């Protein structure tokens, strides 16, 4: 991606002009048969229109260019002058690529095909200055034979390119005077393209050399805020990370959704029914390690993780997906995350028979609910502690492999546990890292 000084100018007019939004048009500059057509150009225009930051212009038949790169700039300048256009997106679809590869899996060779469609976008000012370029790729993979709808992939790639461009090339920028409260008002609203849930990075700005200690202190303002309520010309924001100094001048710039990375201990009650060589039924504490990541809005959030651990003679690898909400208790330090989702666990246990060449394996699925307290003790690093409720299926069908290669269900006398059941309650604690 490339930027110019003009891009900074566009950032400003995108955020400060409400009565006269920049006029944007999209043109097709492909020179082969696989080129952006009216449907693709229309989809891209829809994305820019819905952003509320541009007045889009449908050029109709003037949207298609079949010329050499040398004369392209002159044609774009002429078009911009005649139609009063401020920004032109020159869209190009590269010819789809297909790559076949063979992998060895389960004693078999399997052929996979990856199909990718690249879309290249070049943004020009009305004067013909290159503002920036973005390239977006959509890939799909499946077992051969596989022939996806390449046109549909091109549409998806073009829409994603437009969404990325709004955030990466034309983010909203707003200057205001900070307050040290956790909820405050900024002088931008719906008329300037602000929408509920928008995430903005905030940093202190200075109009000159500070004159006293107080002004130096105000330069320490920095953090992350989220728009909670939007009106026509102003919005309510909440600080979700960092610290703002009252009275200091700050600049907030829109950015993508942040995320939180989790690494910590996860303990879960697990009931078991013994096989050969163990005592009666028992409930034991399963010790696990979980690595997870999820979006970190104070509103709706979603993500997942991988858990590994288990009991004596048994181990488990679980993959979970969860969706939930974040409730700010005291911004930006304290928050309560409530989420629910599902987990698929792959369980393994040692076998007691020397005639078997593998461990015994089984699969369990579970519904999971979490309530987690999170505390950020710095702008990025924090601590989390919570409780979980788990409703899981019983792992009671174990598969083993003999030395002859035969795969069959295990007999009870070959196992340490004939049944394992995760739940119903667990705890988790560990470190969090706020990525933005």
Protein backbone atom coordinates (compact mmCIF):
# COMPACT_ATOMS: atom_id res chain seq x y z
CA UNK A 1 0.00 0.00 0.00
CA UNK A 2 1.30 3.47 -0.87
CA UNK A 3 0.35 6.84 0.60
CA UNK A 4 0.94 10.44 -0.43
CA UNK A 5 0.50 13.80 1.26
CA UNK A 6 -2.78 14.15 -0.58
CA UNK A 7 -4.10 11.16 1.36
CA UNK A 8 -3.72 13.14 4.58
CA UNK A 9 -5.68 15.98 3.00
CA UNK A 10 -8.42 13.53 2.05
CA UNK A 11 -8.55 12.27 5.65
CA UNK A 12 -9.34 15.78 6.75
CA UNK A 13 -12.03 16.59 4.20
CA UNK A 14 -13.64 13.20 4.82
CA UNK A 15 -14.08 14.09 8.47
CA UNK A 16 -14.79 17.81 8.29
CA UNK A 17 -17.12 18.33 5.36
CA UNK A 18 -20.70 17.34 6.00
CA UNK A 19 -22.57 19.56 3.55
CA UNK A 20 -20.27 18.76 0.62
CA UNK A 21 -19.00 15.20 0.78
CA UNK A 22 -16.18 14.20 -1.58
CA UNK A 23 -17.56 12.87 -4.88
CA UNK A 24 -16.25 9.39 -5.68
CA UNK A 25 -16.49 7.34 -8.87
CA UNK A 26 -15.29 3.83 -9.81
CA UNK A 27 -13.89 2.89 -13.21
CA UNK A 28 -12.80 -0.42 -14.74
CA UNK A 29 -9.32 -0.53 -16.28
CA UNK A 30 -8.95 -4.25 -17.01
CA UNK A 31 -7.77 -5.13 -20.50
CA UNK A 32 -8.87 -8.78 -20.68
CA UNK A 33 -12.14 -10.70 -20.60
CA UNK A 34 -12.14 -11.06 -16.81
CA UNK A 35 -12.84 -7.41 -15.97
CA UNK A 36 -15.08 -5.47 -13.55
CA UNK A 37 -18.55 -5.15 -15.05
CA UNK A 38 -21.52 -3.01 -14.04
CA UNK A 39 -22.52 -5.43 -11.25
CA UNK A 40 -19.09 -5.34 -9.60
CA UNK A 41 -18.78 -1.58 -9.97
CA UNK A 42 -22.27 -1.19 -8.50
CA UNK A 43 -21.39 -3.37 -5.47
CA UNK A 44 -18.29 -1.27 -4.81
CA UNK A 45 -20.27 1.95 -5.08
CA UNK A 46 -22.78 0.57 -2.56
CA UNK A 47 -20.01 0.02 0.00
CA UNK A 48 -18.80 3.61 -0.34
CA UNK A 49 -22.36 4.99 -0.26
CA UNK A 50 -23.25 3.09 2.92
CA UNK A 51 -20.14 4.47 4.66
CA UNK A 52 -21.73 7.94 4.61
CA UNK A 53 -18.40 9.54 3.76
CA UNK A 54 -18.74 9.98 0.00
CA UNK A 55 -21.20 11.13 -2.58
CA UNK A 56 -20.88 8.38 -5.16
CA UNK A 57 -21.18 9.01 -8.89
CA UNK A 58 -22.32 6.30 -11.31
CA UNK A 59 -20.50 7.00 -14.58
CA UNK A 60 -22.50 4.52 -16.66
CA UNK A 61 -20.79 3.80 -19.99
CA UNK A 62 -17.94 6.18 -19.06
CA UNK A 63 -16.84 3.67 -16.35
CA UNK A 64 -14.94 1.43 -18.79
CA UNK A 65 -11.43 2.26 -19.96
CA UNK A 66 -9.67 0.41 -22.76
CA UNK A 67 -6.49 2.38 -23.10
CA UNK A 68 -2.77 2.20 -22.43
CA UNK A 69 -1.42 3.04 -18.97
CA UNK A 70 0.40 6.06 -20.44
CA UNK A 71 -2.81 7.83 -21.38
CA UNK A 72 -4.86 6.68 -18.40
CA UNK A 73 -4.01 9.66 -16.18
CA UNK A 74 -5.01 12.17 -18.85
CA UNK A 75 -8.36 10.42 -19.30
CA UNK A 76 -8.99 10.32 -15.54
CA UNK A 77 -8.17 14.03 -15.21
CA UNK A 78 -10.55 14.88 -18.03
CA UNK A 79 -13.29 12.71 -16.55
CA UNK A 80 -12.87 14.25 -13.09
CA UNK A 81 -13.01 17.76 -14.50
CA UNK A 82 -16.11 17.14 -16.59
CA UNK A 83 -18.08 15.32 -13.88
CA UNK A 84 -16.84 17.19 -10.79
CA UNK A 85 -15.21 14.12 -9.20
CA UNK A 86 -12.84 14.36 -6.23
CA UNK A 87 -11.72 10.71 -5.97
CA UNK A 88 -11.55 8.02 -8.65
CA UNK A 89 -11.05 4.33 -7.89
CA UNK A 90 -9.51 2.51 -10.85
CA UNK A 91 -10.46 -1.13 -10.34
CA UNK A 92 -8.67 -4.07 -11.92
CA UNK A 93 -9.34 -7.80 -11.52
CA UNK A 94 -6.35 -10.04 -12.07
CA UNK A 95 -7.00 -13.33 -13.82
CA UNK A 96 -7.94 -16.09 -11.32
CA UNK A 97 -5.21 -18.50 -10.24
CA UNK A 98 -5.66 -22.22 -9.62
CA UNK A 99 -3.03 -24.19 -7.70
CA UNK A 100 -3.28 -27.94 -7.12
CA UNK A 101 -1.37 -29.68 -4.34
CA UNK A 102 -1.28 -33.20 -2.98
CA UNK A 103 -1.13 -34.03 0.72
CA UNK A 104 -0.67 -37.34 2.56
CA UNK A 105 -3.49 -37.90 5.02
CA UNK A 106 -4.79 -41.05 6.72
CA UNK A 107 -2.56 -43.29 4.57
CA UNK A 108 -3.97 -41.70 1.41
CA UNK A 109 -2.94 -39.07 -1.10
CA UNK A 110 -5.52 -36.30 -1.41
CA UNK A 111 -5.46 -33.63 -4.10
CA UNK A 112 -6.56 -30.11 -3.11
CA UNK A 113 -7.22 -27.16 -5.39
CA UNK A 114 -6.84 -23.53 -4.27
CA UNK A 115 -8.59 -20.89 -6.36
CA UNK A 116 -7.77 -17.22 -5.70
CA UNK A 117 -9.00 -13.98 -7.23
CA UNK A 118 -6.99 -10.76 -6.76
CA UNK A 119 -8.52 -7.32 -7.13
CA UNK A 120 -6.27 -4.26 -7.40
CA UNK A 121 -7.53 -0.77 -6.63
CA UNK A 122 -5.72 2.50 -7.39
CA UNK A 123 -7.13 5.69 -5.90
CA UNK A 124 -6.55 8.96 -7.73
CA UNK A 125 -7.46 12.53 -6.88
CA UNK A 126 -9.36 14.68 -9.34
CA UNK A 127 -6.00 16.17 -10.38
CA UNK A 128 -4.65 12.72 -11.23
CA UNK A 129 -2.47 12.30 -8.12
CA UNK A 130 -2.14 8.72 -6.85
CA UNK A 131 -3.56 8.64 -3.31
CA UNK A 132 -2.87 4.99 -2.58
CA UNK A 133 -3.20 1.41 -3.76
CA UNK A 134 -4.82 -1.62 -2.15
CA UNK A 135 -4.78 -5.24 -3.25
CA UNK A 136 -7.30 -7.74 -1.92
CA UNK A 137 -7.40 -11.51 -2.39
CA UNK A 138 -10.20 -14.01 -1.85
CA UNK A 139 -9.21 -17.70 -1.72
CA UNK A 140 -11.21 -20.91 -1.58
CA UNK A 141 -9.87 -24.46 -1.26
CA UNK A 142 -11.47 -27.89 -1.56
CA UNK A 143 -10.76 -31.44 -2.66
CA UNK A 144 -10.37 -31.96 -6.42
CA UNK A 145 -12.55 -31.85 -8.49
CA UNK A 146 -13.34 -28.29 -7.43
CA UNK A 147 -14.59 -25.48 -9.66
CA UNK A 148 -15.91 -22.53 -7.62
CA UNK A 149 -17.78 -19.58 -9.08
CA UNK A 150 -14.85 -17.33 -9.96
CA UNK A 151 -17.12 -14.40 -10.74
CA UNK A 152 -18.65 -14.60 -7.27
CA UNK A 153 -15.14 -14.61 -5.76
CA UNK A 154 -14.32 -11.48 -7.77
CA UNK A 155 -17.42 -9.72 -6.39
CA UNK A 156 -16.48 -10.63 -2.81
CA UNK A 157 -12.89 -9.50 -3.31
CA UNK A 158 -13.99 -6.15 -4.77
CA UNK A 159 -16.40 -5.51 -1.87
CA UNK A 160 -13.70 -6.36 0.67
CA UNK A 161 -11.27 -4.03 -1.09
CA UNK A 162 -13.74 -1.14 -0.84
CA UNK A 163 -14.32 -1.79 2.88
CA UNK A 164 -10.58 -1.90 3.57
CA UNK A 165 -9.99 1.28 1.58
CA UNK A 166 -12.47 3.25 3.69
CA UNK A 167 -10.59 2.33 6.85
CA UNK A 168 -7.01 2.32 5.58
CA UNK A 169 -7.02 5.26 3.15
CA UNK A 170 -9.91 7.43 4.34
CA UNK A 171 -10.26 7.01 8.12
CA UNK A 172 -12.24 9.58 10.09
CA UNK A 173 -10.03 12.01 11.99
CA UNK A 174 -11.32 14.36 14.68
CA UNK A 175 -9.63 16.77 17.09
CA UNK A 176 -11.22 17.65 20.43
CA UNK A 177 -10.43 18.60 24.03
CA UNK A 178 -10.18 15.55 26.28
CA UNK A 179 -11.86 14.99 29.60
CA UNK A 180 -10.76 12.52 32.28
CA UNK A 181 -14.19 10.89 32.51
CA UNK A 182 -14.79 7.41 31.14
CA UNK A 183 -17.73 8.58 28.99
CA UNK A 184 -17.46 11.85 27.07
CA UNK A 185 -18.74 13.70 24.00
CA UNK A 186 -16.85 14.29 20.75
CA UNK A 187 -17.94 16.89 18.17
CA UNK A 188 -18.52 14.44 15.31
CA UNK A 189 -21.67 12.57 14.46
CA UNK A 190 -23.72 10.85 11.82
CA UNK A 191 -23.28 13.72 9.36
CA UNK A 192 -19.52 13.15 9.35
CA UNK A 193 -19.75 9.37 8.80
CA UNK A 194 -19.48 8.27 12.44
CA UNK A 195 -21.49 5.15 13.30
CA UNK A 196 -22.24 3.32 16.53
CA UNK A 197 -19.47 0.92 17.50
CA UNK A 198 -16.69 2.78 15.64
CA UNK A 199 -13.26 2.26 17.23
CA UNK A 200 -10.83 5.20 17.30
CA UNK A 201 -7.23 5.49 18.48
CA UNK A 202 -6.58 8.65 20.51
CA UNK A 203 -3.26 10.44 20.93
CA UNK A 204 -2.33 13.80 22.42
CA UNK A 205 -1.54 16.70 20.08
CA UNK A 206 0.33 19.89 20.77
CA UNK A 207 0.01 23.28 19.12
CA UNK A 208 3.46 24.33 20.28
CA UNK A 209 6.11 23.90 22.95
CA UNK A 210 4.46 23.36 26.37
CA UNK A 211 4.83 26.29 28.76
CA UNK A 212 4.39 24.48 32.08
CA UNK A 213 4.22 21.11 33.80
CA UNK A 214 0.46 20.86 33.28
CA UNK A 215 0.79 21.18 29.50
CA UNK A 216 3.56 18.56 29.47
CA UNK A 217 1.26 16.25 31.47
CA UNK A 218 -1.48 16.69 28.87
CA UNK A 219 0.81 15.20 26.22
CA UNK A 220 0.48 11.84 27.99
CA UNK A 221 -3.07 11.34 26.70
CA UNK A 222 -3.43 8.20 24.63
CA UNK A 223 -5.81 5.28 24.36
CA UNK A 224 -8.65 3.64 22.50
CA UNK A 225 -12.28 4.73 22.46
CA UNK A 226 -15.51 3.33 21.10
CA UNK A 227 -18.55 5.27 19.91
CA UNK A 228 -21.53 4.29 22.07
CA UNK A 229 -24.24 6.68 20.81
CA UNK A 230 -24.47 8.76 17.63
CA UNK A 231 -26.40 11.95 16.93
CA UNK A 232 -26.34 14.19 13.87
CA UNK A 233 -23.36 16.35 14.83
CA UNK A 234 -21.90 14.77 17.99
CA UNK A 235 -21.35 11.36 19.55
CA UNK A 236 -20.89 9.78 22.95
CA UNK A 237 -17.67 7.80 23.35
CA UNK A 238 -16.27 5.48 26.00
CA UNK A 239 -12.57 4.96 26.71
CA UNK A 240 -11.76 1.24 26.55
CA UNK A 241 -7.98 1.46 26.97
CA UNK A 242 -5.46 4.08 28.01
CA UNK A 243 -5.90 7.40 29.81
CA UNK A 244 -6.94 10.91 28.78
CA UNK A 245 -5.79 14.02 30.63
CA UNK A 246 -8.51 16.59 31.29
CA UNK A 247 -8.16 19.72 29.18
CA UNK A 248 -5.59 18.32 26.78
CA UNK A 249 -5.90 18.55 23.00
CA UNK A 250 -6.16 15.11 21.34
CA UNK A 251 -6.70 13.64 17.88
CA UNK A 252 -8.80 10.47 17.35
CA UNK A 253 -8.33 8.43 14.17
CA UNK A 254 -10.60 5.56 13.16
CA UNK A 255 -9.04 2.11 13.12
CA UNK A 256 -10.05 -1.52 12.81
CA UNK A 257 -11.63 -3.58 15.57
CA UNK A 258 -9.10 -4.46 18.30
CA UNK A 259 -8.68 -7.94 19.71
CA UNK A 260 -7.68 -9.55 22.98
CA UNK A 261 -5.26 -12.48 23.18
CA UNK A 262 -5.72 -14.86 26.14
CA UNK A 263 -3.20 -17.25 27.67
CA UNK A 264 -3.98 -18.93 30.94
CA UNK A 265 -4.91 -21.86 33.12
CA UNK A 266 -8.27 -23.59 32.70
CA UNK A 267 -9.54 -26.11 35.22
CA UNK A 268 -12.60 -28.31 34.72
CA UNK A 269 -14.37 -30.99 36.70
CA UNK A 270 -14.39 -34.30 34.81
CA UNK A 271 -16.29 -37.41 35.89
CA UNK A 272 -15.06 -40.84 34.84
CA UNK A 273 -16.10 -44.47 34.83
CA UNK A 274 -13.08 -46.75 35.21
CA UNK A 275 -11.99 -49.57 33.00
CA UNK A 276 -9.47 -52.20 34.04
CA UNK A 277 -7.09 -51.47 36.89
CA UNK A 278 -8.76 -48.38 38.40
CA UNK A 279 -11.05 -47.81 41.34
CA UNK A 280 -14.74 -46.88 41.35
CA UNK A 281 -16.36 -43.99 39.55
CA UNK A 282 -14.65 -40.71 40.31
CA UNK A 283 -14.76 -36.97 39.67
CA UNK A 284 -11.37 -35.42 39.05
CA UNK A 285 -10.02 -31.97 38.29
CA UNK A 286 -8.72 -31.65 34.75
CA UNK A 287 -5.84 -29.16 34.40
CA UNK A 288 -5.60 -27.42 31.04
CA UNK A 289 -3.87 -24.60 29.21
CA UNK A 290 -5.94 -22.35 26.91
CA UNK A 291 -4.86 -19.97 24.16
CA UNK A 292 -7.65 -17.83 22.74
CA UNK A 293 -8.36 -14.69 20.77
CA UNK A 294 -11.52 -12.64 20.24
CA UNK A 295 -12.70 -9.23 19.12
CA UNK A 296 -12.56 -6.71 21.91
CA UNK A 297 -15.43 -4.29 21.43
CA UNK A 298 -17.29 -3.42 24.59
CA UNK A 299 -20.39 -4.44 22.68
CA UNK A 300 -20.75 -7.72 20.78
CA UNK A 301 -17.58 -9.80 20.65
CA UNK A 302 -16.71 -13.18 19.23
CA UNK A 303 -13.70 -15.46 19.02
CA UNK A 304 -12.37 -18.84 19.99
CA UNK A 305 -9.46 -20.77 21.38
CA UNK A 306 -7.56 -24.00 21.75
CA UNK A 307 -7.40 -25.91 25.05
CA UNK A 308 -4.95 -28.70 25.89
CA UNK A 309 -4.65 -30.76 29.07
CA UNK A 310 -6.30 -33.72 30.75
CA UNK A 311 -6.18 -36.29 33.54
CA UNK A 312 -3.69 -38.99 34.48
CA UNK A 313 -3.61 -41.54 31.62
CA UNK A 314 -5.77 -39.19 29.53
CA UNK A 315 -5.30 -36.00 27.48
CA UNK A 316 -7.60 -33.63 25.62
CA UNK A 317 -7.40 -31.04 22.85
CA UNK A 318 -10.45 -28.80 22.54
CA UNK A 319 -11.41 -26.17 19.96
CA UNK A 320 -14.10 -23.67 20.93
CA UNK A 321 -16.01 -20.78 19.37
CA UNK A 322 -17.88 -18.26 21.51
CA UNK A 323 -19.96 -15.12 21.08
CA UNK A 324 -20.88 -12.68 23.82
CA UNK A 325 -20.91 -9.15 25.13
CA UNK A 326 -18.60 -6.92 27.13
CA UNK A 327 -20.02 -4.83 29.97
CA UNK A 328 -17.79 -1.93 31.08
CA UNK A 329 -17.76 -1.73 34.86
CA UNK A 330 -15.13 1.00 35.18
CA UNK A 331 -13.55 2.15 31.94
CA UNK A 332 -10.94 1.48 30.90
CA UNK A 333 -9.65 -0.92 33.58
CA UNK A 334 -12.52 -3.23 34.55
CA UNK A 335 -14.87 -5.13 32.29
CA UNK A 336 -17.17 -8.14 32.53
CA UNK A 337 -17.28 -10.50 29.55
CA UNK A 338 -20.27 -12.84 29.27
CA UNK A 339 -20.16 -15.33 26.42
CA UNK A 340 -21.53 -18.66 25.26
CA UNK A 341 -20.69 -21.07 22.48
CA UNK A 342 -19.64 -24.58 21.64
CA UNK A 343 -16.57 -26.75 21.93
CA UNK A 344 -15.38 -29.90 20.20
CA UNK A 345 -12.95 -31.95 22.27
CA UNK A 346 -10.67 -34.72 21.01
CA UNK A 347 -9.90 -37.08 23.91
CA UNK A 348 -7.10 -39.61 24.08
CA UNK A 349 -6.13 -42.14 26.75
CA UNK A 350 -3.46 -44.73 27.29
CA UNK A 351 -4.37 -48.37 26.70
CA UNK A 352 -3.48 -51.32 28.92
CA UNK A 353 -3.13 -53.93 26.19
CA UNK A 354 0.25 -54.59 24.49
CA UNK A 355 -1.62 -55.80 21.41
CA UNK A 356 -2.66 -52.28 20.46
CA UNK A 357 -0.46 -49.90 18.50
CA UNK A 358 -2.27 -46.66 19.33
CA UNK A 359 -3.91 -44.76 22.14
CA UNK A 360 -7.69 -44.86 22.44
CA UNK A 361 -9.48 -41.83 20.99
CA UNK A 362 -12.96 -40.36 21.30
CA UNK A 363 -14.80 -37.13 20.50
CA UNK A 364 -17.05 -35.05 22.74
CA UNK A 365 -19.04 -31.89 21.96
CA UNK A 366 -20.14 -29.38 24.57
CA UNK A 367 -22.09 -26.18 25.12
CA UNK A 368 -20.02 -23.64 27.06
CA UNK A 369 -20.95 -20.47 28.99
CA UNK A 370 -18.39 -18.09 30.53
CA UNK A 371 -18.46 -15.14 32.90
CA UNK A 372 -15.08 -13.43 33.09
CA UNK A 373 -13.73 -10.40 34.93
CA UNK A 374 -10.99 -8.56 33.07
CA UNK A 375 -8.61 -5.94 34.43
CA UNK A 376 -6.16 -3.98 32.30
CA UNK A 377 -3.25 -2.83 34.47
CA UNK A 378 -1.55 -1.19 31.47
CA UNK A 379 -2.68 0.01 28.07
CA UNK A 380 -2.23 -3.47 26.60
CA UNK A 381 -1.57 -6.06 29.32
CA UNK A 382 -4.14 -7.32 31.78
CA UNK A 383 -5.42 -10.15 33.94
CA UNK A 384 -8.61 -12.18 33.66
CA UNK A 385 -10.45 -14.57 35.97
CA UNK A 386 -13.75 -16.33 35.40
CA UNK A 387 -16.02 -19.31 35.82
CA UNK A 388 -17.41 -21.63 33.15
CA UNK A 389 -20.42 -23.86 32.84
CA UNK A 390 -20.09 -26.87 30.54
CA UNK A 391 -22.75 -29.30 29.28
CA UNK A 392 -20.94 -32.02 27.34
CA UNK A 393 -21.68 -35.35 25.74
CA UNK A 394 -20.16 -38.44 27.33
CA UNK A 395 -17.10 -39.89 25.64
CA UNK A 396 -17.93 -43.61 25.84
CA UNK A 397 -17.02 -44.90 22.40
CA UNK A 398 -13.26 -45.33 22.11
CA UNK A 399 -11.40 -46.26 18.95
CA UNK A 400 -8.08 -48.14 18.85
CA UNK A 401 -5.73 -49.49 16.19
CA UNK A 402 -4.15 -52.95 16.26
CA UNK A 403 -0.64 -53.72 14.97
CA UNK A 404 -2.27 -55.38 11.97
CA UNK A 405 -3.72 -51.97 11.01
CA UNK A 406 -7.27 -52.92 11.94
CA UNK A 407 -9.27 -50.09 13.55
CA UNK A 408 -12.00 -51.09 15.99
CA UNK A 409 -13.86 -50.10 19.16
CA UNK A 410 -11.92 -50.72 22.36
CA UNK A 411 -12.94 -53.31 24.93
CA UNK A 412 -13.45 -52.13 28.55
CA UNK A 413 -10.54 -54.23 29.87
CA UNK A 414 -8.19 -52.43 27.44
CA UNK A 415 -8.94 -48.98 28.85
CA UNK A 416 -8.25 -46.92 31.96
CA UNK A 417 -11.55 -45.06 31.51
CA UNK A 418 -14.60 -46.44 29.74
CA UNK A 419 -16.35 -43.08 30.06
CA UNK A 420 -15.21 -39.48 30.46
CA UNK A 421 -17.60 -36.59 30.90
CA UNK A 422 -16.42 -32.96 31.06
CA UNK A 423 -18.28 -30.53 33.30
CA UNK A 424 -20.39 -29.13 34.72
CA UNK A 425 -18.21 -26.34 36.18
CA UNK A 426 -14.75 -24.93 35.65
CA UNK A 427 -12.56 -21.91 36.34
CA UNK A 428 -10.00 -20.05 34.27
CA UNK A 429 -7.38 -17.40 34.96
CA UNK A 430 -4.48 -15.91 33.09
CA UNK A 431 -3.02 -12.99 31.18
CA UNK A 432 -4.67 -10.94 28.46
CA UNK A 433 -3.02 -8.81 25.81
CA UNK A 434 -5.01 -6.01 24.18
CA UNK A 435 -3.98 -5.73 20.51
CA UNK A 436 -4.63 -2.46 18.67
